[in-house]
Amino acid sequence: MDINRFKLIVLFTVGILVNTLMMSVISATEDIKLTFTHKPWVICNNSALHLEMEKCGERFKTDMQQVDPQNWCNLTHFISEYHYFSACTEDNAKIIGCFWPNPVVEHYIIHIHKQFFSNCTLTTVVFGDPSEDTLTALILIPVLLTLAMIALVVWCSKRGDILA
């Protein structure tokens, strides 16, 4: 028997053994992953989600009664209550099997915002025209710089033989 054929048969046999061993290890880990990490698909129950959002909202409303209504537009006065409300909606949506945010949660959060924060709009700043002196300076400075740069380029191009 040729030595090369013998090496080929040995490599082929070792390859089959390694492949079999690897496949058995992969299969075992896949079974473990499926057993412990596979989560069955749950369809979102919107009515249960809405009830849970109501519970979170009731807690938030109770917490907000402790805050002076004049401070409802200042987030620093109720940041922990709002954080609890937000975490409550997210956690309950995930427990029920819904993604977060979703239309039911968004609708309820908008409802809460309208109830508590509808008067918190900032007054818009009306910008006026700048004074004539400022406007003149803003127009003349770029124009004069442009003319100076053109003059410098023309002057350097005429004196190129001296500067080079």
N, C-alpha and C. Protein backbone atom coordinates (compact mmCIF):
# COMPACT_ATOMS: atom_id res chain seq x y z
N MET A 1 0.85 -1.16 0.00
CA MET A 1 0.00 0.00 0.00
C MET A 1 0.90 1.23 0.00
N ASP A 2 0.49 2.15 -0.78
CA ASP A 2 1.26 3.39 -0.91
C ASP A 2 1.12 4.22 0.36
N ILE A 3 2.19 4.90 0.77
CA ILE A 3 2.20 5.71 1.99
C ILE A 3 1.23 6.88 1.87
N ASN A 4 1.08 7.42 0.68
CA ASN A 4 0.16 8.53 0.47
C ASN A 4 -1.29 8.09 0.65
N ARG A 5 -1.61 6.89 0.17
CA ARG A 5 -2.98 6.38 0.35
C ARG A 5 -3.24 6.15 1.84
N PHE A 6 -2.28 5.65 2.56
CA PHE A 6 -2.43 5.40 3.98
C PHE A 6 -2.70 6.71 4.72
N LYS A 7 -1.92 7.77 4.39
CA LYS A 7 -2.13 9.08 5.01
C LYS A 7 -3.52 9.62 4.67
N LEU A 8 -3.96 9.43 3.45
CA LEU A 8 -5.27 9.89 3.02
C LEU A 8 -6.37 9.18 3.80
N ILE A 9 -6.25 7.87 3.99
CA ILE A 9 -7.26 7.11 4.73
C ILE A 9 -7.27 7.55 6.19
N VAL A 10 -6.08 7.76 6.79
CA VAL A 10 -6.00 8.21 8.18
C VAL A 10 -6.63 9.60 8.33
N LEU A 11 -6.31 10.52 7.44
CA LEU A 11 -6.89 11.87 7.50
C LEU A 11 -8.40 11.83 7.30
N PHE A 12 -8.87 10.99 6.38
CA PHE A 12 -10.29 10.86 6.14
C PHE A 12 -11.00 10.32 7.40
N THR A 13 -10.42 9.33 8.05
CA THR A 13 -11.00 8.75 9.26
C THR A 13 -11.00 9.76 10.40
N VAL A 14 -9.89 10.45 10.57
CA VAL A 14 -9.82 11.46 11.62
C VAL A 14 -10.82 12.57 11.34
N GLY A 15 -10.97 12.96 10.10
CA GLY A 15 -11.95 13.99 9.73
C GLY A 15 -13.36 13.58 10.07
N ILE A 16 -13.71 12.33 9.80
CA ILE A 16 -15.05 11.85 10.13
C ILE A 16 -15.26 11.84 11.64
N LEU A 17 -14.25 11.40 12.39
CA LEU A 17 -14.37 11.39 13.85
C LEU A 17 -14.52 12.80 14.43
N VAL A 18 -13.72 13.73 13.93
CA VAL A 18 -13.79 15.11 14.41
C VAL A 18 -15.14 15.72 14.05
N ASN A 19 -15.62 15.45 12.84
CA ASN A 19 -16.90 15.97 12.41
C ASN A 19 -18.03 15.41 13.27
N THR A 20 -17.98 14.12 13.56
CA THR A 20 -19.00 13.50 14.41
C THR A 20 -18.97 14.08 15.81
N LEU A 21 -17.78 14.25 16.36
CA LEU A 21 -17.64 14.82 17.69
C LEU A 21 -18.17 16.25 17.73
N MET A 22 -17.82 17.05 16.73
CA MET A 22 -18.26 18.45 16.69
C MET A 22 -19.78 18.54 16.55
N MET A 23 -20.35 17.69 15.73
CA MET A 23 -21.80 17.73 15.54
C MET A 23 -22.53 17.33 16.81
N SER A 24 -22.00 16.38 17.56
CA SER A 24 -22.66 15.98 18.80
C SER A 24 -22.57 17.09 19.84
N VAL A 25 -21.46 17.82 19.89
CA VAL A 25 -21.32 18.93 20.83
C VAL A 25 -22.26 20.06 20.45
N ILE A 26 -22.32 20.37 19.16
CA ILE A 26 -23.21 21.44 18.70
C ILE A 26 -24.66 21.07 18.99
N SER A 27 -25.04 19.85 18.72
CA SER A 27 -26.41 19.43 18.97
C SER A 27 -26.75 19.53 20.45
N ALA A 28 -25.81 19.16 21.32
CA ALA A 28 -26.07 19.23 22.75
C ALA A 28 -26.25 20.69 23.19
N THR A 29 -25.40 21.59 22.69
CA THR A 29 -25.54 22.99 23.10
C THR A 29 -26.81 23.59 22.52
N GLU A 30 -27.20 23.19 21.32
CA GLU A 30 -28.45 23.70 20.76
C GLU A 30 -29.63 23.24 21.61
N ASP A 31 -29.61 21.98 22.07
CA ASP A 31 -30.69 21.49 22.92
C ASP A 31 -30.73 22.28 24.22
N ILE A 32 -29.57 22.58 24.79
CA ILE A 32 -29.53 23.34 26.04
C ILE A 32 -30.06 24.74 25.80
N LYS A 33 -29.64 25.39 24.71
CA LYS A 33 -30.12 26.74 24.41
C LYS A 33 -31.62 26.74 24.22
N LEU A 34 -32.15 25.77 23.49
CA LEU A 34 -33.58 25.73 23.27
C LEU A 34 -34.33 25.49 24.57
N THR A 35 -33.75 24.71 25.45
CA THR A 35 -34.43 24.41 26.70
C THR A 35 -34.48 25.62 27.62
N PHE A 36 -33.36 26.37 27.71
CA PHE A 36 -33.29 27.42 28.70
C PHE A 36 -33.54 28.82 28.17
N THR A 37 -33.24 29.08 26.91
CA THR A 37 -33.37 30.45 26.42
C THR A 37 -34.49 30.65 25.43
N HIS A 38 -35.06 29.60 24.91
CA HIS A 38 -36.10 29.77 23.91
C HIS A 38 -37.37 30.24 24.59
N LYS A 39 -37.91 31.35 24.10
CA LYS A 39 -39.12 31.90 24.67
C LYS A 39 -40.23 31.73 23.64
N PRO A 40 -41.29 31.07 23.99
CA PRO A 40 -42.35 30.88 23.00
C PRO A 40 -42.94 32.22 22.59
N TRP A 41 -43.37 32.30 21.35
CA TRP A 41 -43.93 33.53 20.82
C TRP A 41 -45.28 33.79 21.47
N VAL A 42 -45.42 34.96 22.06
CA VAL A 42 -46.65 35.33 22.72
C VAL A 42 -47.25 36.49 21.94
N ILE A 43 -48.53 36.38 21.65
CA ILE A 43 -49.22 37.44 20.93
C ILE A 43 -49.61 38.52 21.93
N CYS A 44 -49.43 39.76 21.56
CA CYS A 44 -49.71 40.90 22.43
C CYS A 44 -51.21 40.98 22.72
N ASN A 45 -51.55 41.03 23.98
CA ASN A 45 -52.93 41.16 24.41
C ASN A 45 -53.18 42.64 24.72
N ASN A 46 -53.79 43.36 23.78
CA ASN A 46 -53.96 44.80 23.92
C ASN A 46 -54.87 45.18 25.07
N SER A 47 -55.90 44.38 25.34
CA SER A 47 -56.80 44.73 26.44
C SER A 47 -56.10 44.59 27.79
N ALA A 48 -55.31 43.53 27.96
CA ALA A 48 -54.54 43.37 29.20
C ALA A 48 -53.49 44.48 29.31
N LEU A 49 -52.88 44.83 28.18
CA LEU A 49 -51.89 45.91 28.19
C LEU A 49 -52.53 47.22 28.59
N HIS A 50 -53.72 47.49 28.08
CA HIS A 50 -54.41 48.73 28.44
C HIS A 50 -54.73 48.78 29.93
N LEU A 51 -55.15 47.66 30.50
CA LEU A 51 -55.43 47.60 31.93
C LEU A 51 -54.16 47.87 32.75
N GLU A 52 -53.04 47.30 32.31
CA GLU A 52 -51.78 47.53 33.02
C GLU A 52 -51.34 48.99 32.90
N MET A 53 -51.58 49.61 31.74
CA MET A 53 -51.24 51.02 31.56
C MET A 53 -52.08 51.87 32.50
N GLU A 54 -53.35 51.48 32.69
CA GLU A 54 -54.22 52.20 33.62
C GLU A 54 -53.66 52.11 35.04
N LYS A 55 -53.16 50.94 35.42
CA LYS A 55 -52.59 50.79 36.77
C LYS A 55 -51.36 51.69 36.93
N CYS A 56 -50.50 51.69 35.91
CA CYS A 56 -49.31 52.56 35.97
C CYS A 56 -49.73 54.02 36.03
N GLY A 57 -50.75 54.38 35.25
CA GLY A 57 -51.23 55.76 35.23
C GLY A 57 -51.84 56.18 36.55
N GLU A 58 -52.57 55.28 37.18
CA GLU A 58 -53.17 55.60 38.48
C GLU A 58 -52.08 55.86 39.51
N ARG A 59 -51.05 55.07 39.50
CA ARG A 59 -49.93 55.28 40.42
C ARG A 59 -49.27 56.63 40.15
N PHE A 60 -49.09 56.96 38.85
CA PHE A 60 -48.47 58.23 38.49
C PHE A 60 -49.36 59.39 38.92
N LYS A 61 -50.67 59.25 38.73
CA LYS A 61 -51.59 60.32 39.13
C LYS A 61 -51.54 60.53 40.64
N THR A 62 -51.48 59.45 41.39
CA THR A 62 -51.38 59.55 42.85
C THR A 62 -50.08 60.23 43.25
N ASP A 63 -48.99 59.87 42.59
CA ASP A 63 -47.70 60.49 42.89
C ASP A 63 -47.69 61.97 42.52
N MET A 64 -48.34 62.31 41.41
CA MET A 64 -48.35 63.70 40.96
C MET A 64 -49.22 64.58 41.85
N GLN A 65 -50.16 64.00 42.60
CA GLN A 65 -50.96 64.79 43.54
C GLN A 65 -50.09 65.32 44.67
N GLN A 66 -48.97 64.67 44.92
CA GLN A 66 -48.06 65.12 45.97
C GLN A 66 -47.20 66.30 45.51
N VAL A 67 -47.16 66.54 44.20
CA VAL A 67 -46.35 67.63 43.64
C VAL A 67 -47.26 68.83 43.43
N ASP A 68 -46.76 70.00 43.80
CA ASP A 68 -47.52 71.23 43.61
C ASP A 68 -47.77 71.44 42.12
N PRO A 69 -49.03 71.70 41.71
CA PRO A 69 -49.33 71.89 40.27
C PRO A 69 -48.50 72.98 39.60
N GLN A 70 -48.02 73.94 40.37
CA GLN A 70 -47.17 74.98 39.78
C GLN A 70 -45.82 74.41 39.36
N ASN A 71 -45.43 73.26 39.91
CA ASN A 71 -44.14 72.65 39.59
C ASN A 71 -44.27 71.52 38.58
N TRP A 72 -45.44 71.33 37.99
CA TRP A 72 -45.63 70.26 37.02
C TRP A 72 -44.81 70.48 35.75
N CYS A 73 -44.44 71.68 35.47
CA CYS A 73 -43.65 71.95 34.26
C CYS A 73 -42.15 71.88 34.52
N ASN A 74 -41.76 71.66 35.76
CA ASN A 74 -40.35 71.57 36.11
C ASN A 74 -40.04 70.10 36.41
N LEU A 75 -39.36 69.46 35.49
CA LEU A 75 -39.10 68.02 35.57
C LEU A 75 -38.34 67.62 36.83
N THR A 76 -37.55 68.51 37.38
CA THR A 76 -36.77 68.16 38.56
C THR A 76 -37.64 67.86 39.77
N HIS A 77 -38.89 68.34 39.78
CA HIS A 77 -39.78 68.12 40.92
C HIS A 77 -40.48 66.76 40.87
N PHE A 78 -40.53 66.13 39.69
CA PHE A 78 -41.26 64.85 39.60
C PHE A 78 -40.52 63.82 38.75
N ILE A 79 -39.21 63.96 38.63
CA ILE A 79 -38.45 63.06 37.77
C ILE A 79 -38.53 61.61 38.24
N SER A 80 -38.52 61.37 39.52
CA SER A 80 -38.57 59.97 40.01
C SER A 80 -39.94 59.37 39.74
N GLU A 81 -41.00 60.15 39.90
CA GLU A 81 -42.35 59.65 39.61
C GLU A 81 -42.50 59.32 38.13
N TYR A 82 -41.95 60.20 37.29
CA TYR A 82 -42.06 59.95 35.84
C TYR A 82 -41.22 58.75 35.45
N HIS A 83 -40.06 58.59 36.07
CA HIS A 83 -39.21 57.42 35.78
C HIS A 83 -39.94 56.14 36.17
N TYR A 84 -40.59 56.14 37.32
CA TYR A 84 -41.33 54.96 37.75
C TYR A 84 -42.46 54.66 36.76
N PHE A 85 -43.17 55.70 36.31
CA PHE A 85 -44.25 55.52 35.34
C PHE A 85 -43.74 54.92 34.04
N SER A 86 -42.64 55.46 33.54
CA SER A 86 -42.06 54.98 32.29
C SER A 86 -41.58 53.53 32.43
N ALA A 87 -40.90 53.23 33.53
CA ALA A 87 -40.43 51.85 33.76
C ALA A 87 -41.61 50.89 33.93
N CYS A 88 -42.66 51.35 34.58
CA CYS A 88 -43.84 50.51 34.78
C CYS A 88 -44.47 50.15 33.43
N THR A 89 -44.61 51.13 32.55
CA THR A 89 -45.21 50.84 31.24
C THR A 89 -44.33 49.88 30.44
N GLU A 90 -43.02 50.08 30.51
CA GLU A 90 -42.11 49.22 29.75
C GLU A 90 -42.11 47.80 30.31
N ASP A 91 -42.00 47.67 31.61
CA ASP A 91 -41.95 46.34 32.22
C ASP A 91 -43.24 45.57 32.00
N ASN A 92 -44.38 46.23 32.19
CA ASN A 92 -45.65 45.54 32.01
C ASN A 92 -45.89 45.15 30.55
N ALA A 93 -45.46 45.98 29.63
CA ALA A 93 -45.60 45.62 28.21
C ALA A 93 -44.78 44.36 27.91
N LYS A 94 -43.59 44.28 28.44
CA LYS A 94 -42.75 43.11 28.19
C LYS A 94 -43.31 41.87 28.87
N ILE A 95 -43.86 42.01 30.08
CA ILE A 95 -44.43 40.86 30.79
C ILE A 95 -45.62 40.30 30.02
N ILE A 96 -46.43 41.19 29.48
CA ILE A 96 -47.62 40.74 28.74
C ILE A 96 -47.23 40.13 27.40
N GLY A 97 -46.05 40.48 26.91
CA GLY A 97 -45.58 39.93 25.65
C GLY A 97 -45.69 40.90 24.50
N CYS A 98 -45.80 42.18 24.82
CA CYS A 98 -45.90 43.21 23.79
C CYS A 98 -44.57 43.95 23.68
N PHE A 99 -44.31 44.48 22.53
CA PHE A 99 -43.12 45.30 22.38
C PHE A 99 -43.41 46.68 22.96
N TRP A 100 -42.35 47.41 23.27
CA TRP A 100 -42.51 48.73 23.87
C TRP A 100 -41.60 49.70 23.15
N PRO A 101 -42.04 50.84 22.76
CA PRO A 101 -43.41 51.32 22.84
C PRO A 101 -44.25 50.74 21.71
N ASN A 102 -45.53 50.72 21.91
CA ASN A 102 -46.46 50.30 20.87
C ASN A 102 -47.61 51.28 20.87
N PRO A 103 -48.53 51.19 19.92
CA PRO A 103 -49.60 52.20 19.83
C PRO A 103 -50.44 52.35 21.10
N VAL A 104 -50.70 51.25 21.79
CA VAL A 104 -51.51 51.34 23.02
C VAL A 104 -50.76 52.13 24.08
N VAL A 105 -49.49 51.82 24.27
CA VAL A 105 -48.68 52.51 25.27
C VAL A 105 -48.50 53.98 24.88
N GLU A 106 -48.20 54.23 23.62
CA GLU A 106 -48.01 55.61 23.16
C GLU A 106 -49.27 56.43 23.37
N HIS A 107 -50.42 55.85 23.06
CA HIS A 107 -51.69 56.56 23.24
C HIS A 107 -51.90 56.91 24.71
N TYR A 108 -51.60 55.97 25.59
CA TYR A 108 -51.79 56.24 27.01
C TYR A 108 -50.81 57.28 27.54
N ILE A 109 -49.56 57.21 27.10
CA ILE A 109 -48.56 58.20 27.53
C ILE A 109 -48.95 59.59 27.04
N ILE A 110 -49.44 59.68 25.82
CA ILE A 110 -49.90 60.98 25.30
C ILE A 110 -51.07 61.49 26.13
N HIS A 111 -51.97 60.58 26.51
CA HIS A 111 -53.11 60.96 27.37
C HIS A 111 -52.62 61.54 28.70
N ILE A 112 -51.63 60.89 29.31
CA ILE A 112 -51.06 61.37 30.58
C ILE A 112 -50.40 62.73 30.37
N HIS A 113 -49.68 62.89 29.27
CA HIS A 113 -49.01 64.17 29.01
C HIS A 113 -50.03 65.28 28.81
N LYS A 114 -51.10 65.00 28.11
CA LYS A 114 -52.13 66.02 27.93
C LYS A 114 -52.76 66.39 29.26
N GLN A 115 -52.95 65.43 30.13
CA GLN A 115 -53.59 65.68 31.41
C GLN A 115 -52.71 66.53 32.33
N PHE A 116 -51.41 66.25 32.36
CA PHE A 116 -50.54 66.93 33.32
C PHE A 116 -49.67 68.03 32.73
N PHE A 117 -49.28 67.91 31.48
CA PHE A 117 -48.26 68.80 30.95
C PHE A 117 -48.74 69.64 29.77
N SER A 118 -50.04 69.80 29.59
CA SER A 118 -50.53 70.54 28.43
C SER A 118 -50.24 72.03 28.54
N ASN A 119 -50.07 72.54 29.74
CA ASN A 119 -49.80 73.97 29.92
C ASN A 119 -48.31 74.28 30.02
N CYS A 120 -47.48 73.35 29.67
CA CYS A 120 -46.03 73.53 29.83
C CYS A 120 -45.34 73.97 28.55
N THR A 121 -46.07 74.49 27.62
CA THR A 121 -45.42 74.92 26.39
C THR A 121 -44.60 76.17 26.67
N LEU A 122 -43.45 76.21 26.04
CA LEU A 122 -42.56 77.36 26.21
C LEU A 122 -43.04 78.50 25.33
N THR A 123 -42.88 79.71 25.83
CA THR A 123 -43.24 80.85 25.00
C THR A 123 -42.20 80.98 23.91
N THR A 124 -42.67 81.25 22.72
CA THR A 124 -41.75 81.37 21.60
C THR A 124 -41.09 82.74 21.63
N VAL A 125 -39.84 82.76 21.33
CA VAL A 125 -39.08 84.00 21.29
C VAL A 125 -39.26 84.60 19.90
N VAL A 126 -39.67 85.86 19.87
CA VAL A 126 -39.84 86.56 18.60
C VAL A 126 -38.55 87.32 18.33
N PHE A 127 -37.90 86.94 17.25
CA PHE A 127 -36.66 87.60 16.89
C PHE A 127 -36.96 88.84 16.08
N GLY A 128 -36.29 89.93 16.42
CA GLY A 128 -36.46 91.18 15.67
C GLY A 128 -35.28 91.40 14.74
N ASP A 129 -35.43 92.36 13.88
CA ASP A 129 -34.34 92.70 12.97
C ASP A 129 -33.20 93.33 13.76
N PRO A 130 -31.96 93.07 13.35
CA PRO A 130 -30.84 93.72 14.05
C PRO A 130 -30.83 95.21 13.75
N SER A 131 -30.11 95.94 14.57
CA SER A 131 -30.02 97.38 14.35
C SER A 131 -29.29 97.65 13.05
N GLU A 132 -29.41 98.86 12.55
CA GLU A 132 -28.79 99.21 11.26
C GLU A 132 -27.26 99.13 11.35
N ASP A 133 -26.68 99.51 12.48
CA ASP A 133 -25.23 99.45 12.63
C ASP A 133 -24.74 97.99 12.55
N THR A 134 -25.43 97.10 13.24
CA THR A 134 -25.05 95.69 13.21
C THR A 134 -25.21 95.12 11.81
N LEU A 135 -26.30 95.45 11.16
CA LEU A 135 -26.56 94.96 9.80
C LEU A 135 -25.51 95.47 8.82
N THR A 136 -25.14 96.71 8.97
CA THR A 136 -24.11 97.28 8.09
C THR A 136 -22.78 96.55 8.27
N ALA A 137 -22.40 96.31 9.52
CA ALA A 137 -21.15 95.61 9.79
C ALA A 137 -21.19 94.18 9.24
N LEU A 138 -22.33 93.50 9.39
CA LEU A 138 -22.45 92.13 8.90
C LEU A 138 -22.39 92.05 7.38
N ILE A 139 -22.75 93.11 6.71
CA ILE A 139 -22.69 93.11 5.25
C ILE A 139 -21.31 93.58 4.76
N LEU A 140 -20.78 94.64 5.35
CA LEU A 140 -19.53 95.23 4.85
C LEU A 140 -18.29 94.37 5.13
N ILE A 141 -18.22 93.71 6.26
CA ILE A 141 -17.01 92.93 6.59
C ILE A 141 -16.75 91.83 5.56
N PRO A 142 -17.73 90.99 5.18
CA PRO A 142 -17.44 89.98 4.15
C PRO A 142 -17.12 90.59 2.78
N VAL A 143 -17.79 91.69 2.44
CA VAL A 143 -17.52 92.33 1.15
C VAL A 143 -16.10 92.86 1.11
N LEU A 144 -15.66 93.54 2.17
CA LEU A 144 -14.31 94.08 2.20
C LEU A 144 -13.25 92.97 2.25
N LEU A 145 -13.51 91.89 2.98
CA LEU A 145 -12.57 90.78 3.00
C LEU A 145 -12.45 90.13 1.62
N THR A 146 -13.56 90.03 0.92
CA THR A 146 -13.53 89.45 -0.43
C THR A 146 -12.70 90.33 -1.37
N LEU A 147 -12.91 91.64 -1.31
CA LEU A 147 -12.13 92.55 -2.15
C LEU A 147 -10.65 92.50 -1.79
N ALA A 148 -10.34 92.41 -0.51
CA ALA A 148 -8.94 92.33 -0.10
C ALA A 148 -8.29 91.05 -0.61
N MET A 149 -9.00 89.94 -0.55
CA MET A 149 -8.44 88.67 -1.03
C MET A 149 -8.22 88.71 -2.54
N ILE A 150 -9.16 89.31 -3.27
CA ILE A 150 -8.98 89.43 -4.73
C ILE A 150 -7.75 90.29 -5.03
N ALA A 151 -7.61 91.41 -4.33
CA ALA A 151 -6.46 92.29 -4.56
C ALA A 151 -5.16 91.56 -4.24
N LEU A 152 -5.14 90.76 -3.17
CA LEU A 152 -3.95 90.02 -2.79
C LEU A 152 -3.59 88.97 -3.85
N VAL A 153 -4.58 88.27 -4.37
CA VAL A 153 -4.32 87.26 -5.41
C VAL A 153 -3.77 87.92 -6.67
N VAL A 154 -4.37 89.04 -7.08
CA VAL A 154 -3.89 89.74 -8.29
C VAL A 154 -2.47 90.24 -8.07
N TRP A 155 -2.21 90.83 -6.91
CA TRP A 155 -0.88 91.35 -6.63
C TRP A 155 0.16 90.24 -6.62
N CYS A 156 -0.18 89.07 -6.00
CA CYS A 156 0.78 87.95 -5.96
C CYS A 156 0.99 87.36 -7.36
N SER A 157 -0.05 87.32 -8.17
CA SER A 157 0.13 86.74 -9.50
C SER A 157 1.00 87.63 -10.39
N LYS A 158 0.96 88.95 -10.19
CA LYS A 158 1.80 89.84 -10.97
C LYS A 158 3.25 89.78 -10.51
N ARG A 159 3.47 89.48 -9.24
CA ARG A 159 4.81 89.45 -8.69
C ARG A 159 5.29 88.01 -8.48
N GLY A 160 4.71 87.08 -9.21
CA GLY A 160 5.04 85.68 -9.07
C GLY A 160 6.50 85.37 -9.34
N ASP A 161 7.12 86.10 -10.27
CA ASP A 161 8.51 85.81 -10.60
C ASP A 161 9.45 86.24 -9.46
N ILE A 162 9.09 87.25 -8.70
CA ILE A 162 9.93 87.73 -7.61
C ILE A 162 9.76 86.82 -6.38
N LEU A 163 8.49 86.41 -6.11
CA LEU A 163 8.20 85.63 -4.92
C LEU A 163 8.62 84.17 -5.07
N ALA A 164 8.76 83.68 -6.27
CA ALA A 164 9.09 82.27 -6.48
C ALA A 164 10.52 82.01 -6.31
